[in-house]
Amino acid sequence: MTRFVFESDIPSWSSPAVLSSRLDRWVSAGLDTVMLQVDDGHGATWDTFGWSPDARVTPGALKIAVDAIHARGLSVVACVSLAIFSDFYSHYPALKLSNFRFPYYNFWSAEFRAKRLQMLVDLASACDLDGIALDYLRTGREALSDEVAAELVLTGWLREVRAAISPGVPILSVNHSSYAVAGKEGVNLSALAGSGLIDGAVLFNYERVFPAAHVPALAAPIWALIGNYDWTNNQAVIRPGLSVAHIWRRVQREISPDGIGVYLANLFTEEQATAVRNTQRAVRSL
């Protein structure tokens, strides 16, 4: 079973000292994979002609980080925040959905799809990755009457991605667990996995009980991403290590996923690391 952490703290991971300290904790917890957020909406942290850069990260920082993680024996899955849009930091405002209540890029735009395809091709060649995860792999809304169905838009684009990126680089979808059963905004994980367009699905749910009913039977690995904090009064309140370990055990017992991960890396404490390590030892001894 894959044991991973979601590291979304840009630009902190681009600091070797910060990354080294966090790596110590991840290794001590018995984790074997880092899901590294390489674009959280601010832009690309690698050289690409397909998208504008994230000005917070210096050139070459991503390769340095990936090499440092590999040097500690962990795999790296690069995560791209694919289609979410923010008026405060996103690029290409002309490519966002118009007349839509949520900020989202427009998957029905051929220019958007081409830009995102190119940036992923450049990402795959920028450093030695063990996989690419596509966060927000959905259209944000359903198709209008004169538009191609949302599922067909996603499927067609993913075929281009799959053809352009080496089969040796797995492609994972990332969505809230509810999208696995709702079939909304073009998301059909069974069809995507069955046709080989995705090599696995990361389902996140940060509640204390991960709903087993949200986990489908796929012809591909499923990674469950659990939370290590509660959002209270507009503040992140770190959960005790024993609470995180309890959620981990429950997910493993009730869902039996191919992987379990913890979010958020910058809130992953020594106490949580110890509890997760001990939980894994206890489960393996049964």
C-alpha atoms as a PDB file:
ATOM      1  CA  MET A   1       0.000   0.000   0.000  1.00  0.00           C
ATOM      2  CA  THR A   2       1.257   3.466  -0.913  1.00  0.00           C
ATOM      3  CA  ARG A   3       1.701   5.777   2.085  1.00  0.00           C
ATOM      4  CA  PHE A   4       1.916   9.402   1.039  1.00  0.00           C
ATOM      5  CA  VAL A   5       1.803  13.011   2.158  1.00  0.00           C
ATOM      6  CA  PHE A   6       0.335  15.913   0.183  1.00  0.00           C
ATOM      7  CA  GLU A   7       2.835  18.781   0.165  1.00  0.00           C
ATOM      8  CA  SER A   8       1.022  21.842  -1.172  1.00  0.00           C
ATOM      9  CA  ASP A   9       3.050  24.551   0.563  1.00  0.00           C
ATOM     10  CA  ILE A  10       4.487  26.650  -2.270  1.00  0.00           C
ATOM     11  CA  PRO A  11       7.018  28.194  -2.115  1.00  0.00           C
ATOM     12  CA  SER A  12       8.200  26.587   1.153  1.00  0.00           C
ATOM     13  CA  TRP A  13       9.035  23.260  -0.492  1.00  0.00           C
ATOM     14  CA  SER A  14      11.422  25.159  -2.780  1.00  0.00           C
ATOM     15  CA  SER A  15      13.583  25.934   0.268  1.00  0.00           C
ATOM     16  CA  PRO A  16      16.082  23.066   0.729  1.00  0.00           C
ATOM     17  CA  ALA A  17      16.193  23.613   4.500  1.00  0.00           C
ATOM     18  CA  VAL A  18      12.409  23.501   4.886  1.00  0.00           C
ATOM     19  CA  LEU A  19      12.101  20.498   2.611  1.00  0.00           C
ATOM     20  CA  SER A  20      14.873  18.622   4.408  1.00  0.00           C
ATOM     21  CA  SER A  21      13.179  19.106   7.773  1.00  0.00           C
ATOM     22  CA  ARG A  22       9.853  17.893   6.437  1.00  0.00           C
ATOM     23  CA  LEU A  23      11.487  14.931   4.744  1.00  0.00           C
ATOM     24  CA  ASP A  24      12.891  13.826   8.101  1.00  0.00           C
ATOM     25  CA  ARG A  25       9.350  13.766   9.462  1.00  0.00           C
ATOM     26  CA  TRP A  26       7.851  11.982   6.457  1.00  0.00           C
ATOM     27  CA  VAL A  27      10.526   9.297   6.517  1.00  0.00           C
ATOM     28  CA  SER A  28      10.130   8.834  10.272  1.00  0.00           C
ATOM     29  CA  ALA A  29       6.382   8.319   9.735  1.00  0.00           C
ATOM     30  CA  GLY A  30       7.056   5.450   7.336  1.00  0.00           C
ATOM     31  CA  LEU A  31       5.744   7.284   4.280  1.00  0.00           C
ATOM     32  CA  ASP A  32       7.041   6.347   0.847  1.00  0.00           C
ATOM     33  CA  THR A  33       5.589   8.953  -1.536  1.00  0.00           C
ATOM     34  CA  VAL A  34       5.244  12.737  -1.731  1.00  0.00           C
ATOM     35  CA  MET A  35       2.425  14.283  -3.718  1.00  0.00           C
ATOM     36  CA  LEU A  36       4.076  17.593  -4.474  1.00  0.00           C
ATOM     37  CA  GLN A  37       1.858  20.493  -5.509  1.00  0.00           C
ATOM     38  CA  VAL A  38       3.740  22.090  -8.390  1.00  0.00           C
ATOM     39  CA  ASP A  39       0.989  24.476  -9.517  1.00  0.00           C
ATOM     40  CA  ASP A  40      -1.598  25.696  -7.027  1.00  0.00           C
ATOM     41  CA  GLY A  41      -3.065  28.239  -9.431  1.00  0.00           C
ATOM     42  CA  HIS A  42      -0.248  30.786  -9.272  1.00  0.00           C
ATOM     43  CA  GLY A  43       1.457  29.334 -12.344  1.00  0.00           C
ATOM     44  CA  ALA A  44       4.028  26.736 -13.321  1.00  0.00           C
ATOM     45  CA  THR A  45       7.073  26.048 -11.149  1.00  0.00           C
ATOM     46  CA  TRP A  46       8.926  24.574 -14.116  1.00  0.00           C
ATOM     47  CA  ASP A  47      10.003  25.898 -17.506  1.00  0.00           C
ATOM     48  CA  THR A  48       7.138  25.688 -19.966  1.00  0.00           C
ATOM     49  CA  PHE A  49       5.903  27.523 -23.008  1.00  0.00           C
ATOM     50  CA  GLY A  50       2.366  26.430 -22.205  1.00  0.00           C
ATOM     51  CA  TRP A  51       1.685  28.503 -19.105  1.00  0.00           C
ATOM     52  CA  SER A  52       2.949  31.532 -17.211  1.00  0.00           C
ATOM     53  CA  PRO A  53       5.383  30.929 -14.331  1.00  0.00           C
ATOM     54  CA  ASP A  54       4.839  31.099 -10.598  1.00  0.00           C
ATOM     55  CA  ALA A  55       6.910  34.151  -9.691  1.00  0.00           C
ATOM     56  CA  ARG A  56       7.406  32.908  -6.112  1.00  0.00           C
ATOM     57  CA  VAL A  57       9.642  30.004  -7.123  1.00  0.00           C
ATOM     58  CA  THR A  58      13.111  30.322  -8.637  1.00  0.00           C
ATOM     59  CA  PRO A  59      13.968  28.412 -11.822  1.00  0.00           C
ATOM     60  CA  GLY A  60      15.322  24.943 -11.141  1.00  0.00           C
ATOM     61  CA  ALA A  61      13.756  24.677  -7.668  1.00  0.00           C
ATOM     62  CA  LEU A  62      11.392  21.894  -8.693  1.00  0.00           C
ATOM     63  CA  LYS A  63      14.128  19.611 -10.010  1.00  0.00           C
ATOM     64  CA  ILE A  64      16.184  20.245  -6.868  1.00  0.00           C
ATOM     65  CA  ALA A  65      13.182  19.335  -4.691  1.00  0.00           C
ATOM     66  CA  VAL A  66      12.367  16.193  -6.684  1.00  0.00           C
ATOM     67  CA  ASP A  67      15.992  15.047  -6.551  1.00  0.00           C
ATOM     68  CA  ALA A  68      16.126  15.684  -2.794  1.00  0.00           C
ATOM     69  CA  ILE A  69      12.960  13.644  -2.206  1.00  0.00           C
ATOM     70  CA  HIS A  70      14.268  10.795  -4.354  1.00  0.00           C
ATOM     71  CA  ALA A  71      17.553  10.873  -2.465  1.00  0.00           C
ATOM     72  CA  ARG A  72      15.623   9.999   0.700  1.00  0.00           C
ATOM     73  CA  GLY A  73      14.023   7.015  -1.013  1.00  0.00           C
ATOM     74  CA  LEU A  74      10.568   8.469  -1.587  1.00  0.00           C
ATOM     75  CA  SER A  75       8.635   8.643  -4.860  1.00  0.00           C
ATOM     76  CA  VAL A  76       7.321  11.955  -6.237  1.00  0.00           C
ATOM     77  CA  VAL A  77       3.928  12.556  -7.817  1.00  0.00           C
ATOM     78  CA  ALA A  78       3.639  16.107  -9.167  1.00  0.00           C
ATOM     79  CA  CYS A  79       0.188  17.601  -8.611  1.00  0.00           C
ATOM     80  CA  VAL A  80      -1.204  20.310 -10.899  1.00  0.00           C
ATOM     81  CA  SER A  81      -4.203  22.362  -9.831  1.00  0.00           C
ATOM     82  CA  LEU A  82      -5.691  21.983 -13.254  1.00  0.00           C
ATOM     83  CA  ALA A  83      -8.699  24.227 -13.712  1.00  0.00           C
ATOM     84  CA  ILE A  84      -9.483  26.272 -10.610  1.00  0.00           C
ATOM     85  CA  PHE A  85      -9.298  30.024 -11.205  1.00  0.00           C
ATOM     86  CA  SER A  86      -8.694  32.930  -8.815  1.00  0.00           C
ATOM     87  CA  ASP A  87      -9.010  36.588  -9.753  1.00  0.00           C
ATOM     88  CA  PHE A  88      -6.155  37.313  -7.343  1.00  0.00           C
ATOM     89  CA  TYR A  89      -3.390  35.138  -8.791  1.00  0.00           C
ATOM     90  CA  SER A  90      -4.484  33.196 -11.875  1.00  0.00           C
ATOM     91  CA  HIS A  91      -3.265  33.772 -15.414  1.00  0.00           C
ATOM     92  CA  TYR A  92      -5.309  34.095 -18.622  1.00  0.00           C
ATOM     93  CA  PRO A  93      -8.581  35.571 -17.321  1.00  0.00           C
ATOM     94  CA  ALA A  94      -9.975  35.426 -20.860  1.00  0.00           C
ATOM     95  CA  LEU A  95      -9.943  31.625 -20.572  1.00  0.00           C
ATOM     96  CA  LYS A  96     -12.165  31.330 -17.517  1.00  0.00           C
ATOM     97  CA  LEU A  97     -15.814  30.350 -17.638  1.00  0.00           C
ATOM     98  CA  SER A  98     -18.076  33.328 -18.222  1.00  0.00           C
ATOM     99  CA  ASN A  99     -21.409  33.868 -16.474  1.00  0.00           C
ATOM    100  CA  PHE A 100     -20.599  31.185 -13.946  1.00  0.00           C
ATOM    101  CA  ARG A 101     -20.824  31.544 -10.177  1.00  0.00           C
ATOM    102  CA  PHE A 102     -17.614  29.639  -9.423  1.00  0.00           C
ATOM    103  CA  PRO A 103     -14.132  30.708 -10.641  1.00  0.00           C
ATOM    104  CA  TYR A 104     -13.061  28.046 -13.105  1.00  0.00           C
ATOM    105  CA  TYR A 105     -11.138  27.785 -16.330  1.00  0.00           C
ATOM    106  CA  ASN A 106     -13.129  26.905 -19.434  1.00  0.00           C
ATOM    107  CA  PHE A 107     -12.531  23.327 -20.562  1.00  0.00           C
ATOM    108  CA  TRP A 108     -14.617  24.040 -23.652  1.00  0.00           C
ATOM    109  CA  SER A 109     -11.882  26.452 -24.786  1.00  0.00           C
ATOM    110  CA  ALA A 110      -9.473  24.826 -27.248  1.00  0.00           C
ATOM    111  CA  GLU A 111      -6.815  27.363 -26.227  1.00  0.00           C
ATOM    112  CA  PHE A 112      -7.101  26.379 -22.564  1.00  0.00           C
ATOM    113  CA  ARG A 113      -6.870  22.683 -23.359  1.00  0.00           C
ATOM    114  CA  ALA A 114      -3.832  23.230 -25.599  1.00  0.00           C
ATOM    115  CA  LYS A 115      -2.029  25.338 -22.995  1.00  0.00           C
ATOM    116  CA  ARG A 116      -2.655  22.836 -20.237  1.00  0.00           C
ATOM    117  CA  LEU A 117      -1.556  19.956 -22.459  1.00  0.00           C
ATOM    118  CA  GLN A 118       1.717  21.704 -23.296  1.00  0.00           C
ATOM    119  CA  MET A 119       2.484  22.532 -19.674  1.00  0.00           C
ATOM    120  CA  LEU A 120       1.981  18.871 -18.694  1.00  0.00           C
ATOM    121  CA  VAL A 121       4.232  17.681 -21.522  1.00  0.00           C
ATOM    122  CA  ASP A 122       6.903  20.125 -20.332  1.00  0.00           C
ATOM    123  CA  LEU A 123       6.414  19.012 -16.720  1.00  0.00           C
ATOM    124  CA  ALA A 124       6.932  15.369 -17.623  1.00  0.00           C
ATOM    125  CA  SER A 125      10.273  16.219 -19.232  1.00  0.00           C
ATOM    126  CA  ALA A 126      11.398  18.766 -16.628  1.00  0.00           C
ATOM    127  CA  CYS A 127      12.368  16.263 -13.946  1.00  0.00           C
ATOM    128  CA  ASP A 128      12.279  12.595 -13.019  1.00  0.00           C
ATOM    129  CA  LEU A 129       8.689  12.143 -11.852  1.00  0.00           C
ATOM    130  CA  ASP A 130       6.999   8.977 -10.662  1.00  0.00           C
ATOM    131  CA  GLY A 131       3.564  10.258 -11.664  1.00  0.00           C
ATOM    132  CA  ILE A 132       1.420  13.304 -12.401  1.00  0.00           C
ATOM    133  CA  ALA A 133      -1.788  14.068 -10.488  1.00  0.00           C
ATOM    134  CA  LEU A 134      -4.473  16.279 -12.019  1.00  0.00           C
ATOM    135  CA  ASP A 135      -6.314  18.153  -9.287  1.00  0.00           C
ATOM    136  CA  TYR A 136      -9.733  19.571 -10.217  1.00  0.00           C
ATOM    137  CA  LEU A 137     -10.009  17.149 -13.139  1.00  0.00           C
ATOM    138  CA  ARG A 138     -13.530  18.283 -13.891  1.00  0.00           C
ATOM    139  CA  THR A 139     -15.231  20.941 -15.980  1.00  0.00           C
ATOM    140  CA  GLY A 140     -16.675  22.955 -13.092  1.00  0.00           C
ATOM    141  CA  ARG A 141     -20.179  22.921 -14.533  1.00  0.00           C
ATOM    142  CA  GLU A 142     -22.304  20.896 -16.899  1.00  0.00           C
ATOM    143  CA  ALA A 143     -22.399  21.597 -20.634  1.00  0.00           C
ATOM    144  CA  LEU A 144     -24.765  24.207 -21.997  1.00  0.00           C
ATOM    145  CA  SER A 145     -27.203  23.250 -24.722  1.00  0.00           C
ATOM    146  CA  ASP A 146     -24.808  24.177 -27.530  1.00  0.00           C
ATOM    147  CA  GLU A 147     -21.702  22.607 -25.957  1.00  0.00           C
ATOM    148  CA  VAL A 148     -20.163  19.149 -26.132  1.00  0.00           C
ATOM    149  CA  ALA A 149     -21.009  17.038 -23.085  1.00  0.00           C
ATOM    150  CA  ALA A 150     -18.640  17.624 -20.173  1.00  0.00           C
ATOM    151  CA  GLU A 151     -17.540  13.990 -20.027  1.00  0.00           C
ATOM    152  CA  LEU A 152     -16.654  14.009 -23.740  1.00  0.00           C
ATOM    153  CA  VAL A 153     -14.597  17.190 -23.309  1.00  0.00           C
ATOM    154  CA  LEU A 154     -12.562  15.639 -20.476  1.00  0.00           C
ATOM    155  CA  THR A 155     -12.183  12.304 -22.249  1.00  0.00           C
ATOM    156  CA  GLY A 156     -10.978  13.902 -25.479  1.00  0.00           C
ATOM    157  CA  TRP A 157      -8.433  16.063 -23.690  1.00  0.00           C
ATOM    158  CA  LEU A 158      -7.136  13.170 -21.602  1.00  0.00           C
ATOM    159  CA  ARG A 159      -6.601  11.137 -24.764  1.00  0.00           C
ATOM    160  CA  GLU A 160      -4.288  13.904 -25.968  1.00  0.00           C
ATOM    161  CA  VAL A 161      -2.494  13.952 -22.614  1.00  0.00           C
ATOM    162  CA  ARG A 162      -2.091  10.189 -22.587  1.00  0.00           C
ATOM    163  CA  ALA A 163      -0.748  10.188 -26.154  1.00  0.00           C
ATOM    164  CA  ALA A 164       1.732  12.972 -25.444  1.00  0.00           C
ATOM    165  CA  ILE A 165       3.141  11.732 -22.121  1.00  0.00           C
ATOM    166  CA  SER A 166       5.102   8.523 -21.736  1.00  0.00           C
ATOM    167  CA  PRO A 167       3.107   5.552 -20.407  1.00  0.00           C
ATOM    168  CA  GLY A 168       5.904   5.276 -17.856  1.00  0.00           C
ATOM    169  CA  VAL A 169       4.512   8.383 -16.123  1.00  0.00           C
ATOM    170  CA  PRO A 170       1.201   7.405 -14.479  1.00  0.00           C
ATOM    171  CA  ILE A 171      -1.661   9.908 -14.601  1.00  0.00           C
ATOM    172  CA  LEU A 172      -3.863  10.213 -11.504  1.00  0.00           C
ATOM    173  CA  SER A 173      -7.109  12.113 -11.125  1.00  0.00           C
ATOM    174  CA  VAL A 174      -7.713  14.127  -7.935  1.00  0.00           C
ATOM    175  CA  ASN A 175     -11.194  15.047  -6.763  1.00  0.00           C
ATOM    176  CA  HIS A 176     -13.292  15.151  -3.642  1.00  0.00           C
ATOM    177  CA  SER A 177     -14.651  11.684  -2.913  1.00  0.00           C
ATOM    178  CA  SER A 178     -18.221  12.794  -3.677  1.00  0.00           C
ATOM    179  CA  TYR A 179     -17.316  13.177  -7.360  1.00  0.00           C
ATOM    180  CA  ALA A 180     -16.607   9.461  -7.570  1.00  0.00           C
ATOM    181  CA  VAL A 181     -20.285   8.632  -7.142  1.00  0.00           C
ATOM    182  CA  ALA A 182     -22.111  11.749  -8.348  1.00  0.00           C
ATOM    183  CA  GLY A 183     -21.029  11.633 -11.994  1.00  0.00           C
ATOM    184  CA  LYS A 184     -21.079  15.411 -12.256  1.00  0.00           C
ATOM    185  CA  GLU A 185     -19.044  17.929 -14.261  1.00  0.00           C
ATOM    186  CA  GLY A 186     -17.728  15.280 -16.620  1.00  0.00           C
ATOM    187  CA  VAL A 187     -16.280  13.014 -13.919  1.00  0.00           C
ATOM    188  CA  ASN A 188     -16.723   9.321 -14.679  1.00  0.00           C
ATOM    189  CA  LEU A 189     -13.866   7.536 -12.971  1.00  0.00           C
ATOM    190  CA  SER A 190     -14.961   4.063 -14.030  1.00  0.00           C
ATOM    191  CA  ALA A 191     -14.960   5.057 -17.703  1.00  0.00           C
ATOM    192  CA  LEU A 192     -11.658   6.933 -17.442  1.00  0.00           C
ATOM    193  CA  ALA A 193      -9.932   4.068 -15.645  1.00  0.00           C
ATOM    194  CA  GLY A 194     -11.497   1.410 -17.837  1.00  0.00           C
ATOM    195  CA  SER A 195     -10.262   3.100 -21.000  1.00  0.00           C
ATOM    196  CA  GLY A 196      -6.755   3.586 -19.592  1.00  0.00           C
ATOM    197  CA  LEU A 197      -6.929   7.394 -19.602  1.00  0.00           C
ATOM    198  CA  ILE A 198      -6.110   7.538 -15.894  1.00  0.00           C
ATOM    199  CA  ASP A 199      -3.894   5.118 -14.001  1.00  0.00           C
ATOM    200  CA  GLY A 200      -5.475   5.758 -10.623  1.00  0.00           C
ATOM    201  CA  ALA A 201      -7.714   8.057  -8.606  1.00  0.00           C
ATOM    202  CA  VAL A 202      -6.914  10.136  -5.536  1.00  0.00           C
ATOM    203  CA  LEU A 203     -10.100  10.716  -3.530  1.00  0.00           C
ATOM    204  CA  PHE A 204      -9.873  13.267  -0.753  1.00  0.00           C
ATOM    205  CA  ASN A 205     -12.219  13.703   2.172  1.00  0.00           C
ATOM    206  CA  TYR A 206     -10.985  15.522   5.259  1.00  0.00           C
ATOM    207  CA  GLU A 207     -13.892  14.632   7.535  1.00  0.00           C
ATOM    208  CA  ARG A 208     -13.149  12.362  10.464  1.00  0.00           C
ATOM    209  CA  VAL A 209     -15.126   9.559   8.809  1.00  0.00           C
ATOM    210  CA  PHE A 210     -14.173   8.855   5.206  1.00  0.00           C
ATOM    211  CA  PRO A 211     -17.412   7.707   3.497  1.00  0.00           C
ATOM    212  CA  ALA A 212     -16.850   4.186   2.208  1.00  0.00           C
ATOM    213  CA  ALA A 213     -19.859   4.633  -0.084  1.00  0.00           C
ATOM    214  CA  HIS A 214     -17.832   7.182  -2.070  1.00  0.00           C
ATOM    215  CA  VAL A 215     -15.184   4.632  -3.038  1.00  0.00           C
ATOM    216  CA  PRO A 216     -16.035   2.908  -6.335  1.00  0.00           C
ATOM    217  CA  ALA A 217     -14.711  -0.343  -7.712  1.00  0.00           C
ATOM    218  CA  LEU A 218     -12.187   0.770 -10.311  1.00  0.00           C
ATOM    219  CA  ALA A 219      -9.872  -1.040 -12.683  1.00  0.00           C
ATOM    220  CA  ALA A 220      -7.148   1.194 -11.250  1.00  0.00           C
ATOM    221  CA  PRO A 221      -5.615   1.988  -7.848  1.00  0.00           C
ATOM    222  CA  ILE A 222      -7.493   4.243  -5.436  1.00  0.00           C
ATOM    223  CA  TRP A 223      -5.637   6.461  -2.987  1.00  0.00           C
ATOM    224  CA  ALA A 224      -7.608   7.890  -0.047  1.00  0.00           C
ATOM    225  CA  LEU A 225      -6.420  11.301   1.169  1.00  0.00           C
ATOM    226  CA  ILE A 226      -7.382  12.099   4.771  1.00  0.00           C
ATOM    227  CA  GLY A 227      -7.070  15.326   6.738  1.00  0.00           C
ATOM    228  CA  ASN A 228      -4.853  16.057   9.713  1.00  0.00           C
ATOM    229  CA  TYR A 229      -6.576  19.266  10.807  1.00  0.00           C
ATOM    230  CA  ASP A 230     -10.035  20.745  11.410  1.00  0.00           C
ATOM    231  CA  TRP A 231     -11.172  24.088  10.040  1.00  0.00           C
ATOM    232  CA  THR A 232     -12.600  25.951  13.012  1.00  0.00           C
ATOM    233  CA  ASN A 233     -13.495  29.658  13.177  1.00  0.00           C
ATOM    234  CA  ASN A 234     -11.610  30.248   9.926  1.00  0.00           C
ATOM    235  CA  GLN A 235      -8.453  28.693  11.357  1.00  0.00           C
ATOM    236  CA  ALA A 236      -6.694  25.378  10.855  1.00  0.00           C
ATOM    237  CA  VAL A 237      -6.686  23.446  14.138  1.00  0.00           C
ATOM    238  CA  ILE A 238      -4.177  20.579  14.090  1.00  0.00           C
ATOM    239  CA  ARG A 239      -5.646  17.214  15.027  1.00  0.00           C
ATOM    240  CA  PRO A 240      -3.956  15.117  17.728  1.00  0.00           C
ATOM    241  CA  GLY A 241      -1.758  12.317  16.434  1.00  0.00           C
ATOM    242  CA  LEU A 242      -4.024   9.640  17.886  1.00  0.00           C
ATOM    243  CA  SER A 243      -6.980  11.123  16.013  1.00  0.00           C
ATOM    244  CA  VAL A 244      -5.102  11.006  12.698  1.00  0.00           C
ATOM    245  CA  ALA A 245      -4.001   7.436  13.427  1.00  0.00           C
ATOM    246  CA  HIS A 246      -7.592   6.447  14.190  1.00  0.00           C
ATOM    247  CA  ILE A 247      -8.799   7.853  10.869  1.00  0.00           C
ATOM    248  CA  TRP A 248      -5.934   6.079   9.072  1.00  0.00           C
ATOM    249  CA  ARG A 249      -6.840   2.709  10.637  1.00  0.00           C
ATOM    250  CA  ARG A 250     -10.521   3.148   9.927  1.00  0.00           C
ATOM    251  CA  VAL A 251      -9.896   4.017   6.277  1.00  0.00           C
ATOM    252  CA  GLN A 252      -7.628   1.014   5.853  1.00  0.00           C
ATOM    253  CA  ARG A 253     -10.111  -1.299   7.552  1.00  0.00           C
ATOM    254  CA  GLU A 254     -13.315  -0.091   5.883  1.00  0.00           C
ATOM    255  CA  ILE A 255     -12.103   0.932   2.422  1.00  0.00           C
ATOM    256  CA  SER A 256      -8.912  -1.089   1.832  1.00  0.00           C
ATOM    257  CA  PRO A 257      -7.506   1.490  -0.606  1.00  0.00           C
ATOM    258  CA  ASP A 258      -4.317   1.032  -2.583  1.00  0.00           C
ATOM    259  CA  GLY A 259      -2.882   4.089  -0.858  1.00  0.00           C
ATOM    260  CA  ILE A 260      -3.513   6.358   2.140  1.00  0.00           C
ATOM    261  CA  GLY A 261      -2.231   9.908   2.375  1.00  0.00           C
ATOM    262  CA  VAL A 262      -2.230  12.823   4.812  1.00  0.00           C
ATOM    263  CA  TYR A 263      -3.079  16.449   4.045  1.00  0.00           C
ATOM    264  CA  LEU A 264      -1.638  18.972   4.975  1.00  0.00           C
ATOM    265  CA  ALA A 265       2.136  18.445   4.966  1.00  0.00           C
ATOM    266  CA  ASN A 266       3.058  21.734   6.633  1.00  0.00           C
ATOM    267  CA  LEU A 267       0.721  20.821   9.537  1.00  0.00           C
ATOM    268  CA  PHE A 268       2.077  17.278   9.860  1.00  0.00           C
ATOM    269  CA  THR A 269       3.555  17.255  13.363  1.00  0.00           C
ATOM    270  CA  GLU A 270       6.071  14.988  15.066  1.00  0.00           C
ATOM    271  CA  GLU A 271       3.230  13.621  17.181  1.00  0.00           C
ATOM    272  CA  GLN A 272       1.197  12.800  14.086  1.00  0.00           C
ATOM    273  CA  ALA A 273       4.231  11.208  12.415  1.00  0.00           C
ATOM    274  CA  THR A 274       4.805   8.964  15.430  1.00  0.00           C
ATOM    275  CA  ALA A 275       1.148   7.954  15.594  1.00  0.00           C
ATOM    276  CA  VAL A 276       1.001   7.165  11.862  1.00  0.00           C
ATOM    277  CA  ARG A 277       4.197   5.108  12.072  1.00  0.00           C
ATOM    278  CA  ASN A 278       2.899   3.134  15.054  1.00  0.00           C
ATOM    279  CA  THR A 279      -0.473   2.593  13.370  1.00  0.00           C
ATOM    280  CA  GLN A 280       1.201   1.088  10.324  1.00  0.00           C
ATOM    281  CA  ARG A 281       3.232  -1.244  12.505  1.00  0.00           C
ATOM    282  CA  ALA A 282       0.103  -2.353  14.369  1.00  0.00           C
ATOM    283  CA  VAL A 283      -1.849  -2.980  11.159  1.00  0.00           C
ATOM    284  CA  ARG A 284       0.989  -4.959   9.561  1.00  0.00           C
ATOM    285  CA  SER A 285       1.301  -7.162  12.667  1.00  0.00           C
ATOM    286  CA  LEU A 286      -2.335  -8.334  12.453  1.00  0.00           C
END
